[in-house]
Amino acid sequence: MIRKLKSGQYRLYSVKKDPKTHKRRNLGTFDSLAAAKKHEQEVQYFKRH
């Protein structure tokens, strides 16, 4: 899940919420949407290989 921050950057969050804090995990902050999408694909690949 990618969200745009007020600073203009994009942050990648986990899809599932943490059961203890009930918040989504921060998986990285990026300057461009393309960079955030690329990292999201890398995370998805890593989860399955």
PDB file of N, CA and C in Angstrom:
ATOM      1  N   MET A   1       0.850  -1.169   0.000  1.00  0.00           N
ATOM      2  CA  MET A   1       0.000   0.000   0.000  1.00  0.00           C
ATOM      3  C   MET A   1       0.897   1.234   0.000  1.00  0.00           C
ATOM      4  N   ILE A   2       0.702   2.107  -0.985  1.00  0.00           N
ATOM      5  CA  ILE A   2       1.519   3.310  -1.113  1.00  0.00           C
ATOM      6  C   ILE A   2       0.656   4.527  -0.819  1.00  0.00           C
ATOM      7  N   ARG A   3       1.166   5.404   0.032  1.00  0.00           N
ATOM      8  CA  ARG A   3       0.458   6.637   0.354  1.00  0.00           C
ATOM      9  C   ARG A   3       1.382   7.823   0.122  1.00  0.00           C
ATOM     10  N   LYS A   4       0.798   8.932  -0.324  1.00  0.00           N
ATOM     11  CA  LYS A   4       1.576  10.150  -0.528  1.00  0.00           C
ATOM     12  C   LYS A   4       1.573  10.966   0.761  1.00  0.00           C
ATOM     13  N   LEU A   5       2.755  11.418   1.149  1.00  0.00           N
ATOM     14  CA  LEU A   5       2.898  12.199   2.366  1.00  0.00           C
ATOM     15  C   LEU A   5       2.769  13.687   2.050  1.00  0.00           C
ATOM     16  N   LYS A   6       2.569  14.491   3.074  1.00  0.00           N
ATOM     17  CA  LYS A   6       2.459  15.939   2.885  1.00  0.00           C
ATOM     18  C   LYS A   6       3.744  16.530   2.322  1.00  0.00           C
ATOM     19  N   SER A   7       4.874  15.886   2.601  1.00  0.00           N
ATOM     20  CA  SER A   7       6.171  16.369   2.118  1.00  0.00           C
ATOM     21  C   SER A   7       6.349  16.133   0.618  1.00  0.00           C
ATOM     22  N   GLY A   8       5.429  15.358   0.012  1.00  0.00           N
ATOM     23  CA  GLY A   8       5.537  15.057  -1.412  1.00  0.00           C
ATOM     24  C   GLY A   8       6.185  13.712  -1.676  1.00  0.00           C
ATOM     25  N   GLN A   9       6.670  13.061  -0.630  1.00  0.00           N
ATOM     26  CA  GLN A   9       7.270  11.746  -0.794  1.00  0.00           C
ATOM     27  C   GLN A   9       6.191  10.670  -0.727  1.00  0.00           C
ATOM     28  N   TYR A  10       6.585   9.453  -1.078  1.00  0.00           N
ATOM     29  CA  TYR A  10       5.662   8.323  -1.052  1.00  0.00           C
ATOM     30  C   TYR A  10       6.176   7.298  -0.057  1.00  0.00           C
ATOM     31  N   ARG A  11       5.255   6.730   0.717  1.00  0.00           N
ATOM     32  CA  ARG A  11       5.635   5.755   1.726  1.00  0.00           C
ATOM     33  C   ARG A  11       4.920   4.443   1.449  1.00  0.00           C
ATOM     34  N   LEU A  12       5.682   3.366   1.560  1.00  0.00           N
ATOM     35  CA  LEU A  12       5.164   2.020   1.358  1.00  0.00           C
ATOM     36  C   LEU A  12       4.816   1.422   2.715  1.00  0.00           C
ATOM     37  N   TYR A  13       3.568   1.001   2.878  1.00  0.00           N
ATOM     38  CA  TYR A  13       3.098   0.383   4.118  1.00  0.00           C
ATOM     39  C   TYR A  13       2.739  -1.075   3.853  1.00  0.00           C
ATOM     40  N   SER A  14       2.814  -1.893   4.891  1.00  0.00           N
ATOM     41  CA  SER A  14       2.375  -3.281   4.769  1.00  0.00           C
ATOM     42  C   SER A  14       0.855  -3.314   4.636  1.00  0.00           C
ATOM     43  N   VAL A  15       0.351  -4.368   4.013  1.00  0.00           N
ATOM     44  CA  VAL A  15      -1.094  -4.503   3.807  1.00  0.00           C
ATOM     45  C   VAL A  15      -1.773  -4.877   5.119  1.00  0.00           C
ATOM     46  N   LYS A  16      -1.136  -5.796   5.865  1.00  0.00           N
ATOM     47  CA  LYS A  16      -1.715  -6.241   7.132  1.00  0.00           C
ATOM     48  C   LYS A  16      -1.320  -5.296   8.261  1.00  0.00           C
ATOM     49  N   LYS A  17      -2.227  -5.137   9.213  1.00  0.00           N
ATOM     50  CA  LYS A  17      -1.943  -4.316  10.390  1.00  0.00           C
ATOM     51  C   LYS A  17      -1.255  -5.159  11.451  1.00  0.00           C
ATOM     52  N   ASP A  18      -0.381  -4.525  12.219  1.00  0.00           N
ATOM     53  CA  ASP A  18       0.304  -5.182  13.320  1.00  0.00           C
ATOM     54  C   ASP A  18      -0.712  -5.457  14.424  1.00  0.00           C
ATOM     55  N   PRO A  19      -0.837  -6.692  14.900  1.00  0.00           N
ATOM     56  CA  PRO A  19      -1.853  -7.004  15.917  1.00  0.00           C
ATOM     57  C   PRO A  19      -1.655  -6.260  17.239  1.00  0.00           C
ATOM     58  N   LYS A  20      -0.412  -5.899  17.559  1.00  0.00           N
ATOM     59  CA  LYS A  20      -0.160  -5.215  18.831  1.00  0.00           C
ATOM     60  C   LYS A  20      -0.483  -3.725  18.753  1.00  0.00           C
ATOM     61  N   THR A  21      -0.002  -3.067  17.699  1.00  0.00           N
ATOM     62  CA  THR A  21      -0.169  -1.609  17.616  1.00  0.00           C
ATOM     63  C   THR A  21      -1.373  -1.197  16.777  1.00  0.00           C
ATOM     64  N   HIS A  22      -1.918  -2.126  16.011  1.00  0.00           N
ATOM     65  CA  HIS A  22      -3.052  -1.876  15.112  1.00  0.00           C
ATOM     66  C   HIS A  22      -2.716  -0.838  14.042  1.00  0.00           C
ATOM     67  N   LYS A  23      -1.428  -0.744  13.700  1.00  0.00           N
ATOM     68  CA  LYS A  23      -0.979   0.161  12.645  1.00  0.00           C
ATOM     69  C   LYS A  23      -0.258  -0.641  11.571  1.00  0.00           C
ATOM     70  N   ARG A  24      -0.087  -0.026  10.410  1.00  0.00           N
ATOM     71  CA  ARG A  24       0.614  -0.681   9.315  1.00  0.00           C
ATOM     72  C   ARG A  24       2.115  -0.410   9.426  1.00  0.00           C
ATOM     73  N   ARG A  25       2.925  -1.413   9.058  1.00  0.00           N
ATOM     74  CA  ARG A  25       4.379  -1.267   9.147  1.00  0.00           C
ATOM     75  C   ARG A  25       4.908  -0.395   8.025  1.00  0.00           C
ATOM     76  N   ASN A  26       5.843   0.483   8.328  1.00  0.00           N
ATOM     77  CA  ASN A  26       6.491   1.321   7.330  1.00  0.00           C
ATOM     78  C   ASN A  26       7.552   0.478   6.623  1.00  0.00           C
ATOM     79  N   LEU A  27       7.416   0.322   5.291  1.00  0.00           N
ATOM     80  CA  LEU A  27       8.367  -0.477   4.522  1.00  0.00           C
ATOM     81  C   LEU A  27       9.293   0.392   3.687  1.00  0.00           C
ATOM     82  N   GLY A  28       9.311   1.683   3.928  1.00  0.00           N
ATOM     83  CA  GLY A  28      10.237   2.558   3.224  1.00  0.00           C
ATOM     84  C   GLY A  28       9.576   3.811   2.707  1.00  0.00           C
ATOM     85  N   THR A  29      10.370   4.880   2.582  1.00  0.00           N
ATOM     86  CA  THR A  29       9.902   6.162   2.073  1.00  0.00           C
ATOM     87  C   THR A  29      10.720   6.500   0.833  1.00  0.00           C
ATOM     88  N   PHE A  30      10.034   6.945  -0.221  1.00  0.00           N
ATOM     89  CA  PHE A  30      10.681   7.165  -1.514  1.00  0.00           C
ATOM     90  C   PHE A  30      10.297   8.521  -2.081  1.00  0.00           C
ATOM     91  N   ASP A  31      11.193   9.087  -2.904  1.00  0.00           N
ATOM     92  CA  ASP A  31      10.954  10.400  -3.500  1.00  0.00           C
ATOM     93  C   ASP A  31       9.974  10.345  -4.659  1.00  0.00           C
ATOM     94  N   SER A  32       9.906   9.206  -5.358  1.00  0.00           N
ATOM     95  CA  SER A  32       9.014   9.115  -6.518  1.00  0.00           C
ATOM     96  C   SER A  32       8.082   7.921  -6.372  1.00  0.00           C
ATOM     97  N   LEU A  33       6.940   8.020  -7.028  1.00  0.00           N
ATOM     98  CA  LEU A  33       5.963   6.936  -7.013  1.00  0.00           C
ATOM     99  C   LEU A  33       6.528   5.702  -7.707  1.00  0.00           C
ATOM    100  N   ALA A  34       7.293   5.921  -8.777  1.00  0.00           N
ATOM    101  CA  ALA A  34       7.893   4.802  -9.517  1.00  0.00           C
ATOM    102  C   ALA A  34       8.847   4.013  -8.628  1.00  0.00           C
ATOM    103  N   ALA A  35       9.637   4.705  -7.822  1.00  0.00           N
ATOM    104  CA  ALA A  35      10.573   4.030  -6.921  1.00  0.00           C
ATOM    105  C   ALA A  35       9.822   3.235  -5.865  1.00  0.00           C
ATOM    106  N   ALA A  36       8.722   3.780  -5.366  1.00  0.00           N
ATOM    107  CA  ALA A  36       7.922   3.076  -4.365  1.00  0.00           C
ATOM    108  C   ALA A  36       7.294   1.820  -4.962  1.00  0.00           C
ATOM    109  N   LYS A  37       6.783   1.926  -6.193  1.00  0.00           N
ATOM    110  CA  LYS A  37       6.186   0.756  -6.855  1.00  0.00           C
ATOM    111  C   LYS A  37       7.228  -0.313  -7.129  1.00  0.00           C
ATOM    112  N   LYS A  38       8.426   0.108  -7.518  1.00  0.00           N
ATOM    113  CA  LYS A  38       9.506  -0.846  -7.786  1.00  0.00           C
ATOM    114  C   LYS A  38       9.862  -1.608  -6.514  1.00  0.00           C
ATOM    115  N   HIS A  39       9.958  -0.898  -5.405  1.00  0.00           N
ATOM    116  CA  HIS A  39      10.296  -1.549  -4.144  1.00  0.00           C
ATOM    117  C   HIS A  39       9.169  -2.473  -3.691  1.00  0.00           C
ATOM    118  N   GLU A  40       7.919  -2.089  -3.946  1.00  0.00           N
ATOM    119  CA  GLU A  40       6.788  -2.938  -3.586  1.00  0.00           C
ATOM    120  C   GLU A  40       6.854  -4.257  -4.348  1.00  0.00           C
ATOM    121  N   GLN A  41       7.225  -4.202  -5.620  1.00  0.00           N
ATOM    122  CA  GLN A  41       7.374  -5.428  -6.411  1.00  0.00           C
ATOM    123  C   GLN A  41       8.490  -6.294  -5.852  1.00  0.00           C
ATOM    124  N   GLU A  42       9.595  -5.666  -5.439  1.00  0.00           N
ATOM    125  CA  GLU A  42      10.705  -6.419  -4.847  1.00  0.00           C
ATOM    126  C   GLU A  42      10.279  -7.098  -3.554  1.00  0.00           C
ATOM    127  N   VAL A  43       9.486  -6.412  -2.744  1.00  0.00           N
ATOM    128  CA  VAL A  43       9.004  -6.991  -1.485  1.00  0.00           C
ATOM    129  C   VAL A  43       8.108  -8.188  -1.769  1.00  0.00           C
ATOM    130  N   GLN A  44       7.182  -8.040  -2.740  1.00  0.00           N
ATOM    131  CA  GLN A  44       6.276  -9.133  -3.078  1.00  0.00           C
ATOM    132  C   GLN A  44       7.049 -10.335  -3.606  1.00  0.00           C
ATOM    133  N   TYR A  45       8.073 -10.100  -4.423  1.00  0.00           N
ATOM    134  CA  TYR A  45       8.900 -11.186  -4.944  1.00  0.00           C
ATOM    135  C   TYR A  45       9.604 -11.902  -3.804  1.00  0.00           C
ATOM    136  N   PHE A  46      10.177 -11.127  -2.888  1.00  0.00           N
ATOM    137  CA  PHE A  46      10.928 -11.710  -1.782  1.00  0.00           C
ATOM    138  C   PHE A  46      10.038 -12.559  -0.891  1.00  0.00           C
ATOM    139  N   LYS A  47       8.768 -12.134  -0.703  1.00  0.00           N
ATOM    140  CA  LYS A  47       7.862 -12.886   0.146  1.00  0.00           C
ATOM    141  C   LYS A  47       7.560 -14.276  -0.410  1.00  0.00           C
ATOM    142  N   ARG A  48       7.677 -14.440  -1.718  1.00  0.00           N
ATOM    143  CA  ARG A  48       7.284 -15.698  -2.345  1.00  0.00           C
ATOM    144  C   ARG A  48       8.453 -16.533  -2.854  1.00  0.00           C
ATOM    145  N   HIS A  49       9.691 -16.089  -2.634  1.00  0.00           N
ATOM    146  CA  HIS A  49      10.854 -16.848  -3.098  1.00  0.00           C
ATOM    147  C   HIS A  49      11.875 -17.044  -2.002  1.00  0.00           C
TER     148      HIS A  49
END
